Amino acid sequence: MYIKKIILIFLIIVSSLVIIYIINEKINDKKIYFPIKIISIESKLINSSKESIFKTAKNYLKTKSFFTMDINYLKEEIEKIDWVSIANIKRIYPSEVKIFITEHLPVAIWNNDYYLNDNGNIFLANKIKVNFPLIISNSNRNDILFEYFSLFSKGLLENKINEKIKKIEENDIRSLSITLMSNITITLGSTNIKEKISIFFKAYKTLNSSDLKKIRYIDMRYSNGFAIGWK
């Protein structure tokens, strides 16, 4: 009876050690089940780096499985890459990840260091060799200045005026001026900007081409009209 008891205790100890070993092996098992084997970027890229996007995805997914990967985390990491506006991630069972990229579409340079996209949002990215209009402001009124920029650009197009915006500048008292590529400066002041832009285009159409070449500035700050400065 005593021997049987000893054997039973021995078997319990051995069994316990085996169980502990198995549990420890499971805890330290670094094998990834259902690993991601294929990463594809489905979008045509213009300014953002395909290599940077792929590297970011690969570095994150190498320790994740199809089921343990965090799509939102990967999305946020990819959206930190230059020129990436929106990243959409799609899992394809059992081992594929597809990445869809929407890039920022720049329309202007904001305060020399940033870009303004086609939604009026400011973003920072590596510079590209394209000349964009410059928008300068000491405030965070990018949404309002983008609205004026869009309105004036639309006016140039609708009135078939062969001009482009060179610079829009808002000073500390929010007085706005627009300089065209021909170096004509339109001073709009700080109030009733949309109304003054409308008046400007009505007046501009009455000027002939020889007059336009002589204009240095157009001052729209008057309540009952405007003034023209000649070269």
C-alpha atoms as a PDB file:
ATOM      1  CA  MET A   1       0.000   0.000   0.000  1.00  0.00           C
ATOM      2  CA  TYR A   2       2.828   2.330   0.911  1.00  0.00           C
ATOM      3  CA  ILE A   3       4.632   1.608  -2.391  1.00  0.00           C
ATOM      4  CA  LYS A   4       1.459   2.293  -4.378  1.00  0.00           C
ATOM      5  CA  LYS A   5       1.088   5.608  -2.601  1.00  0.00           C
ATOM      6  CA  ILE A   6       4.693   6.551  -3.450  1.00  0.00           C
ATOM      7  CA  ILE A   7       4.145   5.594  -7.093  1.00  0.00           C
ATOM      8  CA  LEU A   8       0.936   7.655  -7.211  1.00  0.00           C
ATOM      9  CA  ILE A   9       2.693  10.701  -5.782  1.00  0.00           C
ATOM     10  CA  PHE A  10       5.526  10.228  -8.259  1.00  0.00           C
ATOM     11  CA  LEU A  11       3.088  10.033 -11.176  1.00  0.00           C
ATOM     12  CA  ILE A  12       1.291  13.163  -9.982  1.00  0.00           C
ATOM     13  CA  ILE A  13       4.586  15.066  -9.773  1.00  0.00           C
ATOM     14  CA  VAL A  14       5.686  13.873 -13.217  1.00  0.00           C
ATOM     15  CA  SER A  15       2.283  14.718 -14.702  1.00  0.00           C
ATOM     16  CA  SER A  16       2.410  18.170 -13.136  1.00  0.00           C
ATOM     17  CA  LEU A  17       5.875  18.793 -14.564  1.00  0.00           C
ATOM     18  CA  VAL A  18       4.723  17.659 -18.007  1.00  0.00           C
ATOM     19  CA  ILE A  19       1.696  19.975 -17.849  1.00  0.00           C
ATOM     20  CA  ILE A  20       3.879  22.895 -16.738  1.00  0.00           C
ATOM     21  CA  TYR A  21       6.284  22.195 -19.599  1.00  0.00           C
ATOM     22  CA  ILE A  22       3.484  22.075 -22.171  1.00  0.00           C
ATOM     23  CA  ILE A  23       1.953  25.318 -20.884  1.00  0.00           C
ATOM     24  CA  ASN A  24       5.351  27.022 -20.927  1.00  0.00           C
ATOM     25  CA  GLU A  25       5.964  25.867 -24.494  1.00  0.00           C
ATOM     26  CA  LYS A  26       2.592  27.239 -25.546  1.00  0.00           C
ATOM     27  CA  ILE A  27       3.298  30.578 -23.907  1.00  0.00           C
ATOM     28  CA  ASN A  28       6.665  30.869 -25.627  1.00  0.00           C
ATOM     29  CA  ASP A  29       5.479  29.493 -28.934  1.00  0.00           C
ATOM     30  CA  LYS A  30       6.292  32.214 -31.456  1.00  0.00           C
ATOM     31  CA  LYS A  31       4.889  30.380 -34.413  1.00  0.00           C
ATOM     32  CA  ILE A  32       2.322  32.513 -36.267  1.00  0.00           C
ATOM     33  CA  TYR A  33      -0.735  30.662 -37.442  1.00  0.00           C
ATOM     34  CA  PHE A  34      -2.425  32.074 -40.577  1.00  0.00           C
ATOM     35  CA  PRO A  35       0.444  34.508 -41.317  1.00  0.00           C
ATOM     36  CA  ILE A  36       0.068  37.273 -43.900  1.00  0.00           C
ATOM     37  CA  LYS A  37       1.918  36.101 -47.002  1.00  0.00           C
ATOM     38  CA  ILE A  38       0.753  38.619 -49.607  1.00  0.00           C
ATOM     39  CA  ILE A  39       0.704  42.420 -49.270  1.00  0.00           C
ATOM     40  CA  SER A  40      -0.494  44.370 -52.291  1.00  0.00           C
ATOM     41  CA  ILE A  41      -0.962  48.100 -52.924  1.00  0.00           C
ATOM     42  CA  GLU A  42      -3.932  48.440 -55.232  1.00  0.00           C
ATOM     43  CA  SER A  43      -3.826  52.178 -55.964  1.00  0.00           C
ATOM     44  CA  LYS A  44      -1.855  54.109 -58.548  1.00  0.00           C
ATOM     45  CA  LEU A  45       0.437  56.457 -56.635  1.00  0.00           C
ATOM     46  CA  ILE A  46       1.652  59.860 -57.812  1.00  0.00           C
ATOM     47  CA  ASN A  47       3.560  61.480 -54.946  1.00  0.00           C
ATOM     48  CA  SER A  48       3.525  58.996 -52.065  1.00  0.00           C
ATOM     49  CA  SER A  49       6.169  56.287 -51.794  1.00  0.00           C
ATOM     50  CA  LYS A  50       5.056  52.741 -52.572  1.00  0.00           C
ATOM     51  CA  GLU A  51       8.209  51.457 -50.878  1.00  0.00           C
ATOM     52  CA  SER A  52       7.433  53.321 -47.635  1.00  0.00           C
ATOM     53  CA  ILE A  53       3.862  52.052 -47.574  1.00  0.00           C
ATOM     54  CA  PHE A  54       4.944  48.462 -48.237  1.00  0.00           C
ATOM     55  CA  LYS A  55       7.717  48.637 -45.624  1.00  0.00           C
ATOM     56  CA  THR A  56       5.348  50.021 -42.971  1.00  0.00           C
ATOM     57  CA  ALA A  57       2.816  47.275 -43.667  1.00  0.00           C
ATOM     58  CA  LYS A  58       5.418  44.511 -43.781  1.00  0.00           C
ATOM     59  CA  ASN A  59       7.108  45.555 -40.522  1.00  0.00           C
ATOM     60  CA  TYR A  60       3.788  45.502 -38.700  1.00  0.00           C
ATOM     61  CA  LEU A  61       2.325  42.363 -40.262  1.00  0.00           C
ATOM     62  CA  LYS A  62       5.403  40.157 -39.846  1.00  0.00           C
ATOM     63  CA  THR A  63       4.414  39.482 -36.220  1.00  0.00           C
ATOM     64  CA  LYS A  64       0.657  39.342 -36.830  1.00  0.00           C
ATOM     65  CA  SER A  65      -1.725  36.766 -38.207  1.00  0.00           C
ATOM     66  CA  PHE A  66      -4.802  37.138 -40.368  1.00  0.00           C
ATOM     67  CA  PHE A  67      -6.895  37.168 -37.184  1.00  0.00           C
ATOM     68  CA  THR A  68      -4.683  39.175 -34.817  1.00  0.00           C
ATOM     69  CA  MET A  69      -3.798  42.113 -37.069  1.00  0.00           C
ATOM     70  CA  ASP A  70      -5.323  45.468 -36.105  1.00  0.00           C
ATOM     71  CA  ILE A  71      -6.615  47.089 -39.300  1.00  0.00           C
ATOM     72  CA  ASN A  72      -7.182  50.483 -37.663  1.00  0.00           C
ATOM     73  CA  TYR A  73      -3.645  50.596 -36.278  1.00  0.00           C
ATOM     74  CA  LEU A  74      -2.121  49.759 -39.667  1.00  0.00           C
ATOM     75  CA  LYS A  75      -4.364  52.352 -41.324  1.00  0.00           C
ATOM     76  CA  GLU A  76      -3.175  55.060 -38.913  1.00  0.00           C
ATOM     77  CA  GLU A  77       0.486  54.148 -39.436  1.00  0.00           C
ATOM     78  CA  ILE A  78       0.209  54.286 -43.227  1.00  0.00           C
ATOM     79  CA  GLU A  79      -1.641  57.606 -43.078  1.00  0.00           C
ATOM     80  CA  LYS A  80       1.439  59.112 -41.383  1.00  0.00           C
ATOM     81  CA  ILE A  81       3.411  58.627 -44.609  1.00  0.00           C
ATOM     82  CA  ASP A  82       4.002  61.682 -46.820  1.00  0.00           C
ATOM     83  CA  TRP A  83       1.203  62.434 -49.297  1.00  0.00           C
ATOM     84  CA  VAL A  84      -1.106  59.695 -47.966  1.00  0.00           C
ATOM     85  CA  SER A  85      -4.508  61.155 -47.121  1.00  0.00           C
ATOM     86  CA  ILE A  86      -6.596  58.011 -46.568  1.00  0.00           C
ATOM     87  CA  ALA A  87      -5.554  54.363 -46.327  1.00  0.00           C
ATOM     88  CA  ASN A  88      -8.126  51.577 -46.541  1.00  0.00           C
ATOM     89  CA  ILE A  89      -7.068  48.062 -45.549  1.00  0.00           C
ATOM     90  CA  LYS A  90      -8.821  44.894 -46.703  1.00  0.00           C
ATOM     91  CA  ARG A  91      -8.121  41.327 -45.531  1.00  0.00           C
ATOM     92  CA  ILE A  92      -8.504  38.476 -48.020  1.00  0.00           C
ATOM     93  CA  TYR A  93      -8.708  35.043 -46.376  1.00  0.00           C
ATOM     94  CA  PRO A  94      -6.501  33.242 -45.580  1.00  0.00           C
ATOM     95  CA  SER A  95      -3.270  35.225 -45.976  1.00  0.00           C
ATOM     96  CA  GLU A  96      -3.595  38.406 -48.045  1.00  0.00           C
ATOM     97  CA  VAL A  97      -3.842  42.111 -47.244  1.00  0.00           C
ATOM     98  CA  LYS A  98      -4.782  44.709 -49.852  1.00  0.00           C
ATOM     99  CA  ILE A  99      -4.042  48.399 -49.311  1.00  0.00           C
ATOM    100  CA  PHE A 100      -5.971  51.163 -51.064  1.00  0.00           C
ATOM    101  CA  ILE A 101      -4.489  54.673 -50.952  1.00  0.00           C
ATOM    102  CA  THR A 102      -6.085  58.075 -51.519  1.00  0.00           C
ATOM    103  CA  GLU A 103      -3.397  60.719 -51.857  1.00  0.00           C
ATOM    104  CA  HIS A 104      -3.570  64.376 -50.930  1.00  0.00           C
ATOM    105  CA  LEU A 105      -4.301  66.493 -54.001  1.00  0.00           C
ATOM    106  CA  PRO A 106      -2.396  69.763 -53.467  1.00  0.00           C
ATOM    107  CA  VAL A 107      -3.865  73.027 -54.743  1.00  0.00           C
ATOM    108  CA  ALA A 108      -1.684  75.573 -52.930  1.00  0.00           C
ATOM    109  CA  ILE A 109       1.296  76.070 -50.637  1.00  0.00           C
ATOM    110  CA  TRP A 110       0.385  77.179 -47.122  1.00  0.00           C
ATOM    111  CA  ASN A 111       2.831  79.570 -45.399  1.00  0.00           C
ATOM    112  CA  ASN A 112       5.789  78.294 -47.450  1.00  0.00           C
ATOM    113  CA  ASP A 113       6.174  75.077 -45.434  1.00  0.00           C
ATOM    114  CA  TYR A 114       2.903  73.189 -45.868  1.00  0.00           C
ATOM    115  CA  TYR A 115       0.452  72.248 -48.588  1.00  0.00           C
ATOM    116  CA  LEU A 116      -3.277  72.847 -48.817  1.00  0.00           C
ATOM    117  CA  ASN A 117      -5.266  70.015 -50.388  1.00  0.00           C
ATOM    118  CA  ASP A 118      -8.454  70.115 -52.452  1.00  0.00           C
ATOM    119  CA  ASN A 119     -10.552  69.908 -49.283  1.00  0.00           C
ATOM    120  CA  GLY A 120      -8.845  72.909 -47.713  1.00  0.00           C
ATOM    121  CA  ASN A 121      -6.872  70.806 -45.230  1.00  0.00           C
ATOM    122  CA  ILE A 122      -3.262  71.593 -44.326  1.00  0.00           C
ATOM    123  CA  PHE A 123      -0.728  68.779 -44.608  1.00  0.00           C
ATOM    124  CA  LEU A 124       3.037  68.416 -44.416  1.00  0.00           C
ATOM    125  CA  ALA A 125       4.903  66.440 -47.063  1.00  0.00           C
ATOM    126  CA  ASN A 126       8.167  66.351 -48.953  1.00  0.00           C
ATOM    127  CA  LYS A 127       8.311  69.018 -51.649  1.00  0.00           C
ATOM    128  CA  ILE A 128       7.516  68.280 -55.288  1.00  0.00           C
ATOM    129  CA  LYS A 129       8.638  70.262 -58.335  1.00  0.00           C
ATOM    130  CA  VAL A 130       5.302  71.870 -59.143  1.00  0.00           C
ATOM    131  CA  ASN A 131       4.499  75.572 -58.856  1.00  0.00           C
ATOM    132  CA  PHE A 132       1.405  76.130 -56.736  1.00  0.00           C
ATOM    133  CA  PRO A 133      -0.207  79.380 -55.601  1.00  0.00           C
ATOM    134  CA  LEU A 134       1.074  80.598 -52.241  1.00  0.00           C
ATOM    135  CA  ILE A 135      -1.367  81.321 -49.412  1.00  0.00           C
ATOM    136  CA  ILE A 136      -0.029  83.257 -46.427  1.00  0.00           C
ATOM    137  CA  SER A 137      -1.840  83.765 -43.133  1.00  0.00           C
ATOM    138  CA  ASN A 138      -0.883  84.013 -39.469  1.00  0.00           C
ATOM    139  CA  SER A 139      -4.181  82.437 -38.426  1.00  0.00           C
ATOM    140  CA  ASN A 140      -5.674  78.961 -38.648  1.00  0.00           C
ATOM    141  CA  ARG A 141      -8.306  80.173 -41.101  1.00  0.00           C
ATOM    142  CA  ASN A 142      -7.266  77.747 -43.827  1.00  0.00           C
ATOM    143  CA  ASP A 143     -10.887  76.696 -44.435  1.00  0.00           C
ATOM    144  CA  ILE A 144     -11.991  80.300 -45.017  1.00  0.00           C
ATOM    145  CA  LEU A 145      -9.008  81.213 -47.185  1.00  0.00           C
ATOM    146  CA  PHE A 146      -9.506  78.027 -49.180  1.00  0.00           C
ATOM    147  CA  GLU A 147     -13.100  79.123 -49.798  1.00  0.00           C
ATOM    148  CA  TYR A 148     -11.898  82.501 -51.132  1.00  0.00           C
ATOM    149  CA  PHE A 149      -9.224  80.760 -53.200  1.00  0.00           C
ATOM    150  CA  SER A 150     -11.810  78.415 -54.733  1.00  0.00           C
ATOM    151  CA  LEU A 151     -14.284  81.229 -55.374  1.00  0.00           C
ATOM    152  CA  PHE A 152     -11.704  83.423 -57.111  1.00  0.00           C
ATOM    153  CA  SER A 153     -10.315  80.502 -59.145  1.00  0.00           C
ATOM    154  CA  LYS A 154     -13.847  79.630 -60.247  1.00  0.00           C
ATOM    155  CA  GLY A 155     -14.415  83.261 -61.258  1.00  0.00           C
ATOM    156  CA  LEU A 156     -11.299  83.246 -63.449  1.00  0.00           C
ATOM    157  CA  LEU A 157     -12.496  80.092 -65.164  1.00  0.00           C
ATOM    158  CA  GLU A 158     -16.129  81.110 -65.636  1.00  0.00           C
ATOM    159  CA  ASN A 159     -15.190  84.533 -66.985  1.00  0.00           C
ATOM    160  CA  LYS A 160     -12.581  82.991 -69.311  1.00  0.00           C
ATOM    161  CA  ILE A 161      -9.835  85.187 -67.903  1.00  0.00           C
ATOM    162  CA  ASN A 162      -6.386  83.985 -68.883  1.00  0.00           C
ATOM    163  CA  GLU A 163      -4.901  84.511 -65.434  1.00  0.00           C
ATOM    164  CA  LYS A 164      -3.899  82.428 -62.439  1.00  0.00           C
ATOM    165  CA  ILE A 165      -3.523  83.173 -58.760  1.00  0.00           C
ATOM    166  CA  LYS A 166       0.080  83.729 -57.741  1.00  0.00           C
ATOM    167  CA  LYS A 167      -0.435  84.573 -54.072  1.00  0.00           C
ATOM    168  CA  ILE A 168      -3.174  85.154 -51.519  1.00  0.00           C
ATOM    169  CA  GLU A 169      -2.139  86.961 -48.364  1.00  0.00           C
ATOM    170  CA  GLU A 170      -4.066  87.743 -45.204  1.00  0.00           C
ATOM    171  CA  ASN A 171      -2.403  90.106 -42.732  1.00  0.00           C
ATOM    172  CA  ASP A 172      -2.788  90.357 -38.954  1.00  0.00           C
ATOM    173  CA  ILE A 173      -6.018  92.371 -39.220  1.00  0.00           C
ATOM    174  CA  ARG A 174      -7.402  89.838 -41.742  1.00  0.00           C
ATOM    175  CA  SER A 175      -7.163  92.198 -44.694  1.00  0.00           C
ATOM    176  CA  LEU A 176      -6.983  90.062 -47.831  1.00  0.00           C
ATOM    177  CA  SER A 177      -5.062  90.648 -51.045  1.00  0.00           C
ATOM    178  CA  ILE A 178      -4.728  88.495 -54.148  1.00  0.00           C
ATOM    179  CA  THR A 179      -1.812  88.752 -56.569  1.00  0.00           C
ATOM    180  CA  LEU A 180      -2.189  87.367 -60.086  1.00  0.00           C
ATOM    181  CA  MET A 181       0.557  85.878 -62.247  1.00  0.00           C
ATOM    182  CA  SER A 182       0.596  89.168 -64.197  1.00  0.00           C
ATOM    183  CA  ASN A 183       1.552  90.809 -60.859  1.00  0.00           C
ATOM    184  CA  ILE A 184      -1.716  92.731 -60.572  1.00  0.00           C
ATOM    185  CA  THR A 185      -2.641  92.898 -56.870  1.00  0.00           C
ATOM    186  CA  ILE A 186      -6.299  93.005 -55.836  1.00  0.00           C
ATOM    187  CA  THR A 187      -6.784  94.357 -52.314  1.00  0.00           C
ATOM    188  CA  LEU A 188     -10.098  93.171 -50.872  1.00  0.00           C
ATOM    189  CA  GLY A 189      -9.913  94.313 -47.257  1.00  0.00           C
ATOM    190  CA  SER A 190     -11.351  92.357 -44.348  1.00  0.00           C
ATOM    191  CA  THR A 191     -15.123  92.549 -44.891  1.00  0.00           C
ATOM    192  CA  ASN A 192     -17.622  91.470 -47.570  1.00  0.00           C
ATOM    193  CA  ILE A 193     -14.941  89.511 -49.415  1.00  0.00           C
ATOM    194  CA  LYS A 194     -17.308  87.441 -51.558  1.00  0.00           C
ATOM    195  CA  GLU A 195     -19.250  90.504 -52.656  1.00  0.00           C
ATOM    196  CA  LYS A 196     -16.035  92.327 -53.568  1.00  0.00           C
ATOM    197  CA  ILE A 197     -14.792  89.355 -55.588  1.00  0.00           C
ATOM    198  CA  SER A 198     -18.040  89.449 -57.566  1.00  0.00           C
ATOM    199  CA  ILE A 199     -17.641  93.203 -58.188  1.00  0.00           C
ATOM    200  CA  PHE A 200     -14.033  92.676 -59.260  1.00  0.00           C
ATOM    201  CA  PHE A 201     -14.972  90.258 -62.037  1.00  0.00           C
ATOM    202  CA  LYS A 202     -17.711  92.561 -63.309  1.00  0.00           C
ATOM    203  CA  ALA A 203     -15.210  95.430 -63.457  1.00  0.00           C
ATOM    204  CA  TYR A 204     -12.401  93.329 -64.913  1.00  0.00           C
ATOM    205  CA  LYS A 205     -14.500  92.345 -67.922  1.00  0.00           C
ATOM    206  CA  THR A 206     -14.945  96.013 -68.862  1.00  0.00           C
ATOM    207  CA  LEU A 207     -11.194  96.579 -69.204  1.00  0.00           C
ATOM    208  CA  ASN A 208      -9.443  96.019 -72.515  1.00  0.00           C
ATOM    209  CA  SER A 209      -6.183  94.119 -72.877  1.00  0.00           C
ATOM    210  CA  SER A 210      -4.062  97.253 -73.297  1.00  0.00           C
ATOM    211  CA  ASP A 211      -5.414  98.667 -70.015  1.00  0.00           C
ATOM    212  CA  LEU A 212      -4.751  95.412 -68.165  1.00  0.00           C
ATOM    213  CA  LYS A 213      -1.060  95.558 -69.029  1.00  0.00           C
ATOM    214  CA  LYS A 214      -0.799  98.969 -67.360  1.00  0.00           C
ATOM    215  CA  ILE A 215      -2.533  98.054 -64.073  1.00  0.00           C
ATOM    216  CA  ARG A 216      -0.423  97.686 -60.931  1.00  0.00           C
ATOM    217  CA  TYR A 217      -3.199  97.194 -58.390  1.00  0.00           C
ATOM    218  CA  ILE A 218      -6.962  97.290 -57.906  1.00  0.00           C
ATOM    219  CA  ASP A 219      -8.143  98.449 -54.479  1.00  0.00           C
ATOM    220  CA  MET A 220     -11.600  97.053 -53.629  1.00  0.00           C
ATOM    221  CA  ARG A 221     -11.773  98.404 -50.070  1.00  0.00           C
ATOM    222  CA  TYR A 222     -14.071 101.296 -50.941  1.00  0.00           C
ATOM    223  CA  SER A 223     -17.732 101.026 -49.948  1.00  0.00           C
ATOM    224  CA  ASN A 224     -19.007 102.529 -53.191  1.00  0.00           C
ATOM    225  CA  GLY A 225     -16.455 101.412 -55.761  1.00  0.00           C
ATOM    226  CA  PHE A 226     -12.763 100.699 -56.290  1.00  0.00           C
ATOM    227  CA  ALA A 227      -9.522 102.387 -57.262  1.00  0.00           C
ATOM    228  CA  ILE A 228      -7.001 101.388 -59.913  1.00  0.00           C
ATOM    229  CA  GLY A 229      -3.289 102.046 -59.588  1.00  0.00           C
ATOM    230  CA  TRP A 230      -1.341 102.284 -62.827  1.00  0.00           C
ATOM    231  CA  LYS A 231       2.250 101.352 -63.573  1.00  0.00           C
END
